């Protein structure tokens, strides 16, 4: 696929994975608002902390889903993004299990590459989770 600027791009799923309460939803929620501020257009309500939205940005369709703790939620959201023919899909996911397996399966079946990312996480308690969640 080529963007408006003529750059070749692969269809991509970005899975932001992590344990509960590490900032996955907050990170993705901010992503959508930053995308809107940069000129991305969506008809979906992204002013809540948790949302599902499709953006048009520089000729690319980008789907963002902030929730991903349950495979049923992930599956329904991904199905909607596939129906809307999103070029890039970004979603939260658990670190292992059904949600990871589902995203890997969807990527393989539908010709998407998959990129796994993680939010900042400090496990030794030296930085409070609330502080990490405020990092920009």
Protein backbone atom coordinates (compact mmCIF):
# COMPACT_ATOMS: atom_id res chain seq x y z
CA UNK A 1 0.00 0.00 0.00
CA UNK A 2 1.21 3.52 -0.77
CA UNK A 3 0.41 6.55 1.38
CA UNK A 4 -0.42 9.99 -0.06
CA UNK A 5 3.30 10.77 0.10
CA UNK A 6 4.09 7.72 -2.03
CA UNK A 7 5.77 5.77 0.77
CA UNK A 8 5.18 2.01 0.74
CA UNK A 9 3.69 0.72 3.95
CA UNK A 10 2.80 -2.74 5.22
CA UNK A 11 -0.50 -3.33 6.96
CA UNK A 12 0.44 -3.45 10.63
CA UNK A 13 -1.02 -4.44 14.00
CA UNK A 14 0.70 -2.90 17.01
CA UNK A 15 -0.09 -4.76 20.22
CA UNK A 16 0.68 -2.84 23.40
CA UNK A 17 0.97 -5.61 25.92
CA UNK A 18 1.43 -5.66 29.64
CA UNK A 19 0.00 -6.70 32.97
CA UNK A 20 -3.01 -4.99 34.52
CA UNK A 21 -2.70 -1.33 35.55
CA UNK A 22 0.60 -0.50 33.84
CA UNK A 23 -0.80 2.23 31.59
CA UNK A 24 -1.72 0.46 28.34
CA UNK A 25 -5.13 2.10 28.05
CA UNK A 26 -3.82 5.50 29.11
CA UNK A 27 -1.00 5.30 26.55
CA UNK A 28 -3.39 4.39 23.73
CA UNK A 29 -5.94 6.96 24.85
CA UNK A 30 -3.27 9.65 24.55
CA UNK A 31 -2.18 8.27 21.17
CA UNK A 32 -5.61 8.90 19.70
CA UNK A 33 -5.78 12.44 21.05
CA UNK A 34 -2.29 13.19 19.74
CA UNK A 35 -3.31 11.79 16.37
CA UNK A 36 -6.38 14.04 16.33
CA UNK A 37 -4.26 17.05 17.33
CA UNK A 38 -1.89 16.28 14.45
CA UNK A 39 -4.77 16.41 11.95
CA UNK A 40 -6.25 12.92 12.19
CA UNK A 41 -10.00 12.82 11.60
CA UNK A 42 -12.38 10.52 13.42
CA UNK A 43 -16.13 10.40 13.85
CA UNK A 44 -15.73 8.37 17.06
CA UNK A 45 -15.75 9.79 20.61
CA UNK A 46 -12.17 9.68 21.90
CA UNK A 47 -12.62 12.00 24.87
CA UNK A 48 -13.13 9.10 27.29
CA UNK A 49 -10.29 7.05 28.77
CA UNK A 50 -11.51 3.88 27.04
CA UNK A 51 -12.58 3.97 23.39
CA UNK A 52 -12.57 2.36 19.95
CA UNK A 53 -11.94 4.68 17.02
CA UNK A 54 -10.90 4.78 13.37
CA UNK A 55 -8.85 7.75 12.16
CA UNK A 56 -8.03 9.02 8.68
CA UNK A 57 -4.54 10.51 8.74
CA UNK A 58 -2.51 11.40 5.64
CA UNK A 59 -4.32 8.82 3.53
CA UNK A 60 -3.93 6.04 6.11
CA UNK A 61 -6.72 4.43 8.13
CA UNK A 62 -5.65 3.87 11.73
CA UNK A 63 -7.72 1.92 14.26
CA UNK A 64 -7.07 2.51 17.97
CA UNK A 65 -8.64 0.42 20.72
CA UNK A 66 -7.67 1.22 24.30
CA UNK A 67 -8.99 -1.95 25.95
CA UNK A 68 -7.55 -5.43 25.56
CA UNK A 69 -7.88 -7.41 28.75
CA UNK A 70 -10.43 -9.88 27.38
CA UNK A 71 -10.14 -11.77 24.12
CA UNK A 72 -13.83 -11.13 23.31
CA UNK A 73 -13.25 -7.36 23.47
CA UNK A 74 -10.08 -7.61 21.39
CA UNK A 75 -11.77 -9.89 18.86
CA UNK A 76 -14.79 -7.60 18.42
CA UNK A 77 -12.61 -4.51 18.09
CA UNK A 78 -10.26 -6.11 15.58
CA UNK A 79 -13.21 -7.37 13.52
CA UNK A 80 -14.51 -3.80 13.32
CA UNK A 81 -11.11 -2.51 12.22
CA UNK A 82 -10.88 -5.19 9.54
CA UNK A 83 -14.39 -4.29 8.33
CA UNK A 84 -13.30 -0.64 8.09
CA UNK A 85 -10.14 -1.74 6.21
CA UNK A 86 -7.66 -0.16 8.62
CA UNK A 87 -4.05 -0.06 7.47
CA UNK A 88 -2.72 0.22 11.01
CA UNK A 89 -4.40 -1.27 14.07
CA UNK A 90 -3.23 -0.40 17.58
CA UNK A 91 -4.67 -2.26 20.56
CA UNK A 92 -3.97 -3.19 24.15
CA UNK A 93 -3.29 -6.81 25.03
CA UNK A 94 -2.40 -9.03 27.93
CA UNK A 95 1.23 -10.22 27.95
CA UNK A 96 0.35 -13.85 27.17
CA UNK A 97 -2.65 -16.03 26.48
CA UNK A 98 -5.80 -15.67 24.41
CA UNK A 99 -5.42 -12.01 23.41
CA UNK A 100 -1.84 -12.51 22.19
CA UNK A 101 -2.78 -15.71 20.38
CA UNK A 102 -5.77 -14.00 18.74
CA UNK A 103 -3.76 -11.01 17.51
CA UNK A 104 -1.06 -13.29 16.09
CA UNK A 105 -3.71 -15.37 14.32
CA UNK A 106 -5.51 -12.31 12.89
CA UNK A 107 -2.23 -10.83 11.67
CA UNK A 108 -1.23 -14.05 9.90
CA UNK A 109 -4.64 -14.66 8.37
CA UNK A 110 -5.15 -11.11 7.11
CA UNK A 111 -1.69 -10.19 5.82
CA UNK A 112 -0.68 -7.85 8.66
CA UNK A 113 2.74 -7.74 10.22
CA UNK A 114 2.62 -7.55 14.01
CA UNK A 115 4.73 -5.38 16.28
CA UNK A 116 4.67 -5.95 20.05
CA UNK A 117 5.39 -3.04 22.39
CA UNK A 118 5.17 -2.45 26.14
CA UNK A 119 4.47 0.62 28.24
CA UNK A 120 7.06 1.75 30.78
CA UNK A 121 7.05 -0.59 33.77
CA UNK A 122 9.18 -0.56 36.91
CA UNK A 123 8.75 -3.72 38.96
CA UNK A 124 11.06 -3.01 41.90
CA UNK A 125 8.80 -0.29 43.33
CA UNK A 126 11.42 2.45 43.00
CA UNK A 127 9.04 4.54 40.87
CA UNK A 128 5.32 4.61 41.58
CA UNK A 129 3.03 3.37 38.80
CA UNK A 130 1.15 6.70 38.88
CA UNK A 131 4.41 8.54 38.09
CA UNK A 132 5.17 6.20 35.20
CA UNK A 133 1.68 6.72 33.79
CA UNK A 134 2.35 10.46 33.67
CA UNK A 135 5.49 10.09 31.51
CA UNK A 136 4.99 11.64 28.07
